[in-house]
Protein backbone atom coordinates (compact mmCIF):
# COMPACT_ATOMS: atom_id res chain seq x y z
CA MET A 1 -24.84 38.84 -21.85
CA LEU A 2 -25.96 36.43 -19.14
CA ASP A 3 -23.61 35.92 -16.22
CA ARG A 4 -22.15 32.44 -15.90
CA PRO A 5 -23.60 30.55 -12.92
CA ALA A 6 -21.40 30.66 -9.84
CA LYS A 7 -19.48 27.49 -9.08
CA PRO A 8 -20.72 25.74 -5.94
CA LYS A 9 -18.68 26.54 -2.87
CA THR A 10 -17.33 23.78 -0.68
CA ILE A 11 -19.37 23.32 2.50
CA VAL A 12 -17.41 22.11 5.52
CA ALA A 13 -18.97 20.37 8.52
CA GLU A 14 -16.84 19.18 11.45
CA THR A 15 -17.82 15.72 12.63
CA LEU A 16 -16.83 13.08 15.18
CA TYR A 17 -13.21 11.91 14.87
CA LEU A 18 -12.93 8.12 14.67
CA GLU A 19 -10.37 5.70 13.24
CA PRO A 20 -10.82 5.81 9.42
CA ALA A 21 -11.03 2.01 9.11
CA ASN A 22 -13.78 1.95 11.76
CA VAL A 23 -15.80 4.50 9.78
CA ALA A 24 -15.17 2.52 6.57
CA ALA A 25 -16.61 -0.57 8.30
CA ARG A 26 -19.88 1.37 8.71
CA LEU A 27 -19.89 2.32 5.03
CA CYS A 28 -19.23 -1.18 3.67
CA GLY A 29 -21.84 -1.97 1.03
CA GLU A 30 -22.07 1.60 -0.25
CA LYS A 31 -21.06 2.04 -3.90
CA ASN A 32 -17.39 2.46 -4.80
CA LEU A 33 -16.03 2.86 -1.29
CA THR A 34 -12.63 4.57 -1.28
CA LEU A 35 -10.43 4.74 1.82
CA LEU A 36 -7.04 6.47 1.58
CA GLU A 37 -5.54 5.93 5.02
CA SER A 38 -2.32 6.95 6.72
CA VAL A 39 -2.15 4.01 9.11
CA MET A 40 1.42 4.75 10.18
CA ARG A 41 0.96 8.17 11.72
CA HIS A 42 3.58 10.83 10.98
CA GLU A 43 3.46 14.60 11.41
CA HIS A 44 3.96 15.16 7.68
CA LEU A 45 3.66 11.89 5.73
CA GLY A 46 0.94 10.25 7.81
CA ARG A 47 -1.14 13.20 8.93
CA TYR A 48 -4.27 12.87 6.75
CA SER A 49 -6.75 10.18 5.71
CA PHE A 50 -9.79 10.35 3.43
CA LEU A 51 -12.99 8.36 2.94
CA ALA A 52 -15.67 8.61 0.25
CA CYS A 53 -18.42 6.56 -1.39
CA ASN A 54 -21.41 6.88 -3.75
CA PRO A 55 -19.70 8.96 -6.46
CA THR A 56 -21.55 11.22 -8.91
CA GLN A 57 -19.49 10.04 -11.91
CA SER A 58 -17.20 7.10 -12.73
CA LEU A 59 -14.38 6.86 -15.26
CA ARG A 60 -12.87 3.59 -16.52
CA VAL A 61 -10.24 2.73 -19.11
CA GLU A 62 -10.41 -0.73 -20.67
CA LYS A 63 -8.35 -1.84 -23.68
CA GLY A 64 -7.34 1.75 -24.30
CA ALA A 65 -10.90 3.12 -24.43
CA ALA A 66 -12.27 5.56 -21.84
CA TYR A 67 -15.80 5.08 -20.48
CA LEU A 68 -17.57 7.78 -18.48
CA ASP A 69 -20.53 6.32 -16.57
CA GLY A 70 -20.39 3.31 -18.89
CA VAL A 71 -20.48 5.32 -22.13
CA GLN A 72 -17.43 5.20 -24.41
CA GLN A 73 -15.84 8.61 -24.98
CA SER A 74 -13.88 10.09 -27.89
CA LEU A 75 -11.50 11.86 -25.49
CA THR A 76 -8.75 10.13 -23.54
CA ALA A 77 -9.13 9.61 -19.80
CA LEU A 78 -6.68 12.42 -18.99
CA GLU A 79 -8.45 14.78 -21.40
CA ILE A 80 -11.75 13.99 -19.67
CA LEU A 81 -10.24 14.59 -16.24
CA ARG A 82 -8.55 17.82 -17.30
CA LYS A 83 -11.82 19.17 -18.73
CA ASN A 84 -13.79 18.15 -15.65
CA LEU A 85 -11.28 19.59 -13.18
CA ASP A 86 -10.98 22.83 -15.18
CA THR A 87 -14.75 23.39 -15.11
CA ASN A 88 -15.10 22.55 -11.40
CA THR A 89 -12.18 24.52 -9.98
CA GLN A 90 -12.51 25.32 -6.29
CA GLU A 91 -10.37 27.28 -3.88
CA ILE A 92 -8.41 25.18 -1.40
CA ILE A 93 -9.54 25.67 2.19
CA SER A 94 -6.20 25.99 3.97
CA GLY A 95 -5.48 24.38 7.31
CA LEU A 96 -7.78 21.39 6.62
CA PRO A 97 -7.18 17.98 5.01
CA PRO A 98 -6.32 18.80 1.37
CA PHE A 99 -8.65 16.41 -0.53
CA GLN A 100 -11.89 18.38 -0.35
CA GLY A 101 -13.70 16.86 -3.33
CA GLY A 102 -12.60 15.59 -6.72
CA TRP A 103 -11.59 12.28 -8.33
CA ALA A 104 -10.10 9.29 -6.50
CA GLY A 105 -9.23 5.70 -7.29
CA TYR A 106 -6.40 3.89 -9.02
CA ILE A 107 -4.27 4.00 -12.18
CA SER A 108 -2.79 0.65 -13.22
CA TYR A 109 0.80 0.10 -14.30
CA GLU A 110 -0.44 -0.71 -17.83
CA PHE A 111 -1.95 2.78 -18.19
CA GLY A 112 1.64 3.97 -18.56
CA LYS A 113 1.75 2.47 -22.05
CA SER A 114 -0.70 5.14 -23.28
CA LEU A 115 1.66 7.87 -22.00
CA GLU A 116 4.72 6.54 -23.83
CA ALA A 117 3.88 6.60 -27.54
CA HIS A 118 7.37 5.45 -28.58
CA SER A 119 7.54 2.39 -26.32
CA LYS A 120 7.36 -1.16 -27.67
CA LEU A 121 5.23 -2.68 -24.94
CA PRO A 122 3.13 -5.80 -25.60
CA ASP A 123 -0.60 -6.03 -24.96
CA PHE A 124 -0.88 -8.56 -22.15
CA GLU A 125 -4.21 -9.88 -20.91
CA THR A 126 -5.21 -7.35 -18.26
CA LEU A 127 -5.74 -8.23 -14.60
CA CYS A 128 -8.10 -5.27 -14.07
CA PRO A 129 -9.21 -2.09 -15.93
CA ASP A 130 -6.28 0.21 -16.69
CA LEU A 131 -7.87 3.03 -14.68
CA ILE A 132 -10.85 3.49 -12.36
CA LEU A 133 -11.44 6.94 -10.88
CA HIS A 134 -14.65 8.21 -9.30
CA ARG A 135 -15.89 11.75 -8.81
CA TYR A 136 -16.69 12.36 -5.15
CA GLU A 137 -18.44 15.58 -4.20
CA THR A 138 -18.71 14.50 -0.56
CA VAL A 139 -15.48 13.50 1.22
CA LEU A 140 -14.63 12.78 4.85
CA GLY A 141 -11.17 14.10 5.79
CA PHE A 142 -9.22 13.17 8.93
CA ASP A 143 -6.41 15.16 10.55
CA HIS A 144 -4.61 12.68 12.80
CA LEU A 145 -2.31 15.29 14.30
CA GLN A 146 -5.25 17.33 15.61
CA GLN A 147 -7.53 14.26 15.95
CA ARG A 148 -10.34 16.07 14.16
CA ALA A 149 -12.49 15.20 11.14
CA TRP A 150 -14.56 17.17 8.61
CA ILE A 151 -17.06 16.36 5.88
CA PHE A 152 -16.53 18.36 2.68
CA GLY A 153 -19.40 18.66 0.21
CA GLN A 154 -21.43 20.84 -2.13
CA ASP A 155 -24.85 19.98 -0.71
CA GLU A 156 -25.95 20.10 2.94
CA ALA A 157 -28.40 17.25 2.42
CA GLU A 158 -25.62 15.00 1.07
CA ILE A 159 -23.41 15.90 4.02
CA ALA A 160 -26.21 15.00 6.43
CA LYS A 161 -26.77 11.71 4.56
CA PHE A 162 -23.07 10.88 4.82
CA GLU A 163 -23.05 11.64 8.55
CA LYS A 164 -26.03 9.32 8.98
CA LEU A 165 -24.13 6.50 7.23
CA MET A 166 -21.26 7.02 9.68
CA LYS A 167 -23.56 6.08 12.56
CA ARG A 168 -24.53 2.66 11.18
CA LYS A 169 -23.50 -0.58 12.81
CA PRO A 170 -20.07 -1.69 11.50
CA ALA A 171 -19.98 -4.60 9.07
CA ALA A 172 -19.03 -7.92 10.64
CA LEU A 173 -15.54 -9.20 9.84
CA GLY A 174 -15.43 -12.16 7.46
CA SER A 175 -12.75 -14.61 6.35
CA ALA A 176 -9.44 -13.20 5.12
CA ILE A 177 -7.90 -16.58 4.29
CA VAL A 178 -6.48 -17.31 0.83
CA GLU A 179 -4.25 -20.32 0.21
CA GLY A 180 -2.70 -22.16 -2.73
CA TRP A 181 -0.53 -19.31 -4.05
CA GLN A 182 1.43 -19.81 -7.28
CA SER A 183 4.10 -17.55 -8.77
CA ASN A 184 4.57 -16.72 -12.44
CA PHE A 185 8.27 -17.58 -11.87
CA SER A 186 9.97 -20.63 -10.46
CA HIS A 187 12.85 -19.86 -8.08
CA ALA A 188 15.39 -20.66 -10.81
CA GLU A 189 13.51 -18.63 -13.45
CA TYR A 190 13.48 -15.54 -11.24
CA GLU A 191 17.21 -15.75 -10.56
CA ASN A 192 17.83 -16.25 -14.27
CA ALA A 193 15.73 -13.14 -15.05
CA VAL A 194 17.86 -11.14 -12.59
CA ALA A 195 20.99 -12.39 -14.35
CA GLN A 196 19.54 -11.37 -17.73
CA ILE A 197 18.94 -7.81 -16.47
CA VAL A 198 22.52 -7.65 -15.20
CA GLU A 199 23.64 -8.65 -18.71
CA TYR A 200 21.52 -5.85 -20.23
CA ILE A 201 23.17 -3.41 -17.81
CA LEU A 202 26.72 -4.58 -18.57
CA ALA A 203 25.95 -4.32 -22.30
CA GLY A 204 25.04 -0.64 -21.77
CA ASP A 205 21.33 -1.13 -22.61
CA ILE A 206 20.03 0.19 -19.25
CA PHE A 207 21.35 1.25 -15.85
CA GLN A 208 18.64 -0.41 -13.73
CA ALA A 209 15.33 -2.26 -14.02
CA ASN A 210 12.73 -3.27 -11.45
CA LEU A 211 11.90 -6.99 -11.64
CA THR A 212 8.92 -8.50 -9.80
CA GLN A 213 7.15 -11.81 -9.44
CA CYS A 214 3.39 -12.22 -9.21
CA PHE A 215 1.68 -14.66 -6.83
CA SER A 216 -1.95 -15.52 -7.56
CA ALA A 217 -4.61 -17.77 -6.02
CA ALA A 218 -8.32 -18.45 -6.29
CA VAL A 219 -10.44 -16.45 -3.84
CA PRO A 220 -12.86 -18.56 -1.73
CA LYS A 221 -16.55 -17.61 -1.84
CA GLU A 222 -16.54 -16.64 1.84
CA PHE A 223 -13.51 -14.33 1.46
CA ASP A 224 -13.92 -10.72 2.62
CA ALA A 225 -11.45 -8.22 1.15
CA PHE A 226 -12.12 -5.58 3.81
CA SER A 227 -11.28 -8.06 6.56
CA LEU A 228 -7.99 -8.71 4.78
CA PHE A 229 -7.31 -4.97 4.73
CA ARG A 230 -8.02 -4.74 8.47
CA LYS A 231 -5.46 -7.49 9.12
CA LEU A 232 -2.95 -5.94 6.73
CA ARG A 233 -3.13 -2.48 8.29
CA ASP A 234 -2.36 -4.06 11.68
CA LYS A 235 0.49 -6.24 10.42
CA ASN A 236 2.08 -3.69 8.10
CA PRO A 237 1.05 -0.13 9.06
CA SER A 238 2.11 2.33 6.37
CA THR A 239 1.75 5.97 5.44
CA PHE A 240 0.00 5.47 2.07
CA ALA A 241 -2.45 2.63 2.69
CA ALA A 242 -5.72 2.25 0.80
CA TYR A 243 -8.83 0.12 0.50
CA LEU A 244 -10.93 0.34 -2.67
CA ASP A 245 -14.19 -1.58 -3.16
CA PHE A 246 -15.16 -0.98 -6.79
CA GLY A 247 -17.46 -3.99 -7.10
CA ASP A 248 -15.72 -6.31 -9.56
CA VAL A 249 -12.33 -4.89 -8.50
CA LYS A 250 -11.16 -4.62 -4.90
CA ILE A 251 -7.75 -3.44 -3.69
CA ALA A 252 -6.02 -3.54 -0.30
CA SER A 253 -2.75 -1.60 -0.14
CA SER A 254 -0.19 -0.93 2.59
CA SER A 255 2.24 1.10 0.53
CA PRO A 256 5.06 3.10 2.17
CA GLU A 257 5.88 5.02 -1.02
CA ARG A 258 4.57 8.26 -2.47
CA LEU A 259 4.67 8.71 -6.25
CA ILE A 260 3.79 12.39 -6.35
CA LYS A 261 2.08 15.07 -4.28
CA SER A 262 1.16 18.65 -5.14
CA ASP A 263 -0.81 21.47 -3.57
CA GLY A 264 -1.19 23.06 -7.00
CA ALA A 265 2.15 24.85 -6.71
CA MET A 266 4.77 22.71 -4.96
CA VAL A 267 5.55 19.17 -6.13
CA GLU A 268 7.09 16.31 -4.12
CA ALA A 269 8.17 12.76 -5.02
CA ARG A 270 9.57 10.24 -2.50
CA PRO A 271 11.29 7.35 -4.33
CA ILE A 272 12.26 4.24 -2.34
CA LYS A 273 15.32 2.22 -3.31
CA GLY A 274 17.33 0.09 -0.89
CA THR A 275 15.82 -2.46 1.51
CA ARG A 276 16.80 -4.59 4.50
CA LYS A 277 14.54 -7.01 6.37
CA ARG A 278 14.04 -6.01 10.00
CA ASP A 279 15.26 -8.23 12.84
CA ALA A 280 13.51 -8.84 16.17
CA ASP A 281 16.87 -8.49 17.96
CA PRO A 282 17.42 -4.72 18.43
CA SER A 283 21.21 -4.97 18.13
CA ARG A 284 21.00 -6.98 14.91
CA ASP A 285 18.33 -4.59 13.61
CA ALA A 286 20.70 -1.66 14.24
CA GLU A 287 23.48 -3.51 12.38
CA LEU A 288 21.17 -3.94 9.38
CA ILE A 289 20.52 -0.19 9.34
CA VAL A 290 24.26 0.51 9.26
CA GLU A 291 24.71 -2.09 6.52
CA LEU A 292 21.94 -0.55 4.40
CA GLN A 293 23.22 2.99 4.80
CA ALA A 294 26.76 1.91 3.90
CA SER A 295 25.74 -0.20 0.88
CA ARG A 296 27.22 1.20 -2.35
CA LYS A 297 24.80 -0.92 -4.37
CA ASP A 298 21.68 0.35 -2.58
CA ARG A 299 22.79 3.98 -2.58
CA ALA A 300 23.69 3.82 -6.29
CA GLU A 301 20.27 2.31 -7.01
CA ASN A 302 18.56 5.15 -5.14
CA VAL A 303 20.64 7.91 -6.73
CA MET A 304 19.90 6.63 -10.25
CA ILE A 305 16.16 6.87 -9.63
CA VAL A 306 16.55 10.31 -8.05
CA ASP A 307 18.23 11.47 -11.27
CA LEU A 308 15.38 9.98 -13.31
CA LEU A 309 12.77 11.75 -11.18
CA ARG A 310 14.65 15.04 -11.32
CA ASN A 311 14.42 14.73 -15.09
CA ASP A 312 10.70 13.80 -15.03
CA ILE A 313 9.79 16.66 -12.68
CA SER A 314 11.94 19.14 -14.64
CA ARG A 315 9.55 18.64 -17.57
CA ILE A 316 6.76 20.41 -15.66
CA ALA A 317 8.68 22.47 -13.08
CA LYS A 318 9.83 26.08 -13.10
CA PRO A 319 13.47 26.32 -14.24
CA GLY A 320 15.89 26.01 -11.34
CA SER A 321 13.23 24.92 -8.85
CA VAL A 322 13.99 21.16 -8.74
CA LYS A 323 15.85 20.21 -5.56
CA VAL A 324 16.73 17.07 -3.58
CA PRO A 325 16.41 18.02 0.13
CA VAL A 326 16.81 14.39 1.26
CA LEU A 327 19.11 11.87 -0.44
CA CYS A 328 19.06 8.25 0.76
CA GLY A 329 17.37 9.00 4.07
CA LEU A 330 16.37 6.11 6.34
CA GLU A 331 12.72 5.11 6.91
CA SER A 332 11.78 2.08 9.02
CA TYR A 333 8.53 0.11 8.76
CA ALA A 334 7.10 -2.98 10.46
CA ASN A 335 8.96 -5.45 8.25
CA VAL A 336 11.72 -3.53 6.46
CA HIS A 337 14.13 -0.59 6.50
CA HIS A 338 14.22 1.54 3.34
CA LEU A 339 16.40 4.25 1.81
CA VAL A 340 14.09 7.09 0.76
CA SER A 341 14.92 10.28 -1.12
CA VAL A 342 12.84 13.43 -1.65
CA VAL A 343 12.67 15.33 -4.95
CA GLU A 344 10.86 18.71 -4.98
CA GLY A 345 9.98 21.36 -7.54
CA GLN A 346 7.57 24.20 -8.31
CA LEU A 347 4.87 23.56 -10.91
CA ARG A 348 5.12 25.86 -13.92
CA ASP A 349 2.37 28.45 -14.33
CA GLY A 350 -0.55 27.16 -16.39
CA LEU A 351 0.16 23.48 -15.67
CA THR A 352 -1.99 21.24 -13.47
CA GLN A 353 -1.92 17.92 -11.65
CA ILE A 354 -2.79 16.21 -14.96
CA ASP A 355 0.46 17.45 -16.50
CA LEU A 356 2.26 16.27 -13.39
CA LEU A 357 0.84 12.74 -13.66
CA LYS A 358 1.76 12.55 -17.35
CA ALA A 359 5.33 13.54 -16.53
CA VAL A 360 6.02 11.02 -13.73
CA PHE A 361 3.74 8.00 -14.29
CA PRO A 362 4.64 5.18 -13.87
CA GLY A 363 7.15 5.88 -11.13
CA GLY A 364 10.86 5.55 -11.82
CA SER A 365 11.47 3.45 -8.71
CA ILE A 366 9.29 0.61 -10.06
CA THR A 367 10.43 0.83 -13.70
CA GLY A 368 14.12 1.71 -14.01
CA ALA A 369 16.46 3.89 -16.00
CA PRO A 370 16.12 4.79 -18.79
CA LYS A 371 12.42 4.36 -18.07
CA ILE A 372 11.00 3.26 -21.43
CA ARG A 373 13.72 0.70 -22.20
CA ALA A 374 13.47 -0.64 -18.64
CA MET A 375 9.71 -1.08 -19.08
CA GLU A 376 10.29 -3.03 -22.30
CA ILE A 377 12.75 -5.37 -20.56
CA ILE A 378 10.36 -5.79 -17.62
CA ALA A 379 7.60 -6.86 -20.04
CA GLU A 380 9.95 -9.27 -21.81
CA LEU A 381 10.95 -11.00 -18.57
CA GLU A 382 7.78 -10.84 -16.45
CA ARG A 383 5.58 -11.94 -19.39
CA GLN A 384 2.30 -10.63 -17.95
CA ALA A 385 0.44 -7.52 -16.84
CA ARG A 386 1.08 -6.03 -13.40
CA GLY A 387 -2.40 -4.55 -12.92
CA VAL A 388 -2.69 -2.05 -10.08
CA TYR A 389 0.66 -3.22 -8.68
CA CYS A 390 3.32 -0.58 -9.43
CA GLY A 391 0.54 1.71 -10.60
CA SER A 392 -0.85 4.36 -8.24
CA ILE A 393 -3.73 4.96 -5.84
CA GLY A 394 -4.77 8.46 -4.81
CA TYR A 395 -6.77 11.58 -5.62
CA LEU A 396 -7.05 14.62 -7.92
CA GLY A 397 -8.77 17.50 -6.10
CA PHE A 398 -10.98 20.21 -7.57
CA ASN A 399 -8.72 22.58 -5.59
CA GLY A 400 -5.61 21.60 -7.56
CA ALA A 401 -4.19 19.27 -4.91
CA CYS A 402 -3.21 15.69 -5.69
CA ASP A 403 -1.49 12.83 -3.88
CA PHE A 404 -0.74 9.36 -5.29
CA ASN A 405 1.11 6.42 -3.79
CA ILE A 406 3.05 3.79 -5.68
CA ALA A 407 0.96 0.66 -5.29
CA ILE A 408 3.52 -1.70 -3.75
CA ARG A 409 2.70 -4.01 -0.80
CA THR A 410 -0.68 -4.26 -2.49
CA ALA A 411 -3.25 -7.03 -3.07
CA LEU A 412 -5.66 -6.98 -6.03
CA PHE A 413 -8.90 -8.96 -6.15
CA ALA A 414 -10.45 -9.34 -9.61
CA GLY A 415 -11.97 -12.10 -11.73
CA GLY A 416 -12.23 -14.50 -8.80
CA LYS A 417 -8.50 -14.35 -8.07
CA ALA A 418 -6.14 -12.58 -5.67
CA TYR A 419 -2.83 -11.15 -6.87
CA VAL A 420 0.17 -10.15 -4.75
CA GLN A 421 3.49 -9.02 -6.24
CA GLY A 422 6.96 -8.24 -4.95
CA GLY A 423 10.39 -7.54 -6.36
CA GLY A 424 13.16 -4.99 -6.44
CA GLY A 425 15.54 -2.87 -8.45
CA ILE A 426 18.27 -4.77 -10.29
CA THR A 427 21.68 -3.14 -10.81
CA ALA A 428 25.06 -4.37 -12.04
CA ARG A 429 25.92 -5.35 -8.44
CA SER A 430 22.74 -7.43 -7.91
CA GLN A 431 23.09 -11.04 -6.74
CA PRO A 432 20.25 -13.25 -8.10
CA ALA A 433 19.77 -15.25 -4.88
CA ALA A 434 19.63 -12.10 -2.73
CA GLU A 435 17.16 -10.45 -5.13
CA TYR A 436 14.88 -13.50 -4.96
CA ASP A 437 14.93 -13.38 -1.16
CA GLU A 438 14.18 -9.63 -1.20
CA SER A 439 11.12 -10.18 -3.40
CA LEU A 440 9.73 -12.52 -0.70
CA THR A 441 10.68 -10.17 2.14
CA LYS A 442 8.66 -7.36 0.52
CA ILE A 443 5.42 -9.40 0.59
CA ALA A 444 5.95 -11.32 3.86
CA ARG A 445 3.48 -9.26 5.92
CA ILE A 446 0.83 -9.44 3.19
CA MET A 447 1.08 -13.22 3.04
CA GLU A 448 0.84 -13.36 6.84
CA ALA A 449 -2.43 -11.40 6.59
CA PHE A 450 -3.87 -14.03 4.19
CA ALA A 451 -2.78 -16.97 6.37
CA PRO A 452 -5.17 -18.86 8.68
């Protein structure tokens, strides 16, 4: 019997440490550029960033069909990914940035319909493909705590080629201006939709649902999405930011929220529920923190989603391993204060990051509880697709690691238009006028980035 060929080992080459966005500026124009950047640096949440381009394979889902390198497949997207990851398993190199090769990109909110066979969700006209993930065998990883960077790859020539690209002259910044935004709701319609959700809650149909409004505008010919991302990362630095240039689809995200992370054994989710707009006056800002932490409505909203995520993670976790080490903790960002909880568990033996995604996607914090019924009510009231917004951006590593954000504070560029969405969780205590104001607060920094 012939021995099976050995799987290629990951080659690691340390390289010059630069700001990830500055390196991305040198790679602009390369195919399917993916930047996953922790702009808001933090010892744990904001320690690593990743950059890749020129993938070896590409996977898309459009109208429920999966296409691998443009060819329609009989398997589902998750079946394709599971098979590919299983046949390319690599050992994690500890002590270095965890994404060391694998698949990266986005999963849209609408992809969740394929994971919930019993849901009654309509087929809206899509804003973008339901999923785009690319296979990257060469990845640049940054450790911001150590201020060091490494190129991971399977071929020394490809690593050398990548390092050469890093030395190019950065792309010139273009126009980031987009004007003429229109919402899919009028002010009165949004407040009425909030009131309708409250009625559903009081009738015992749901406990909570996440309502959002979508602003869209035509993109000028001279518009440059990467320049918009550069402005956004300065105005709204966040721990789970991303820039994706996938040709006909471009995405700029400044998300503060993690959907799910795993090292192949441990699992972590970080749901956000509860928001206050920051104030330039330090004393007033401190008062808003106290108000948020004391709010029964905001804490109840957060606890409901924690319970939902405990249930989701329990589906794939070892019995007794699911814990909540942080409940309604405070996190402050450039524009808002948030209540953030942490839900942890240990992945059951034999399960992978694919099983984890199936269990938690889409995130409970941007759907509601119970999840499926909340998604049906969201569709009824919002009346259109969300696209990448409230989906996820991140990676699936050959080494079993994965990390995905929840794509909030995110701009999508597709079909000649720009889309920006914002909203919040609606509970029985929600006041329609306050919820409308919160939806605008959430996107304020993004809209500032688009302004002249």
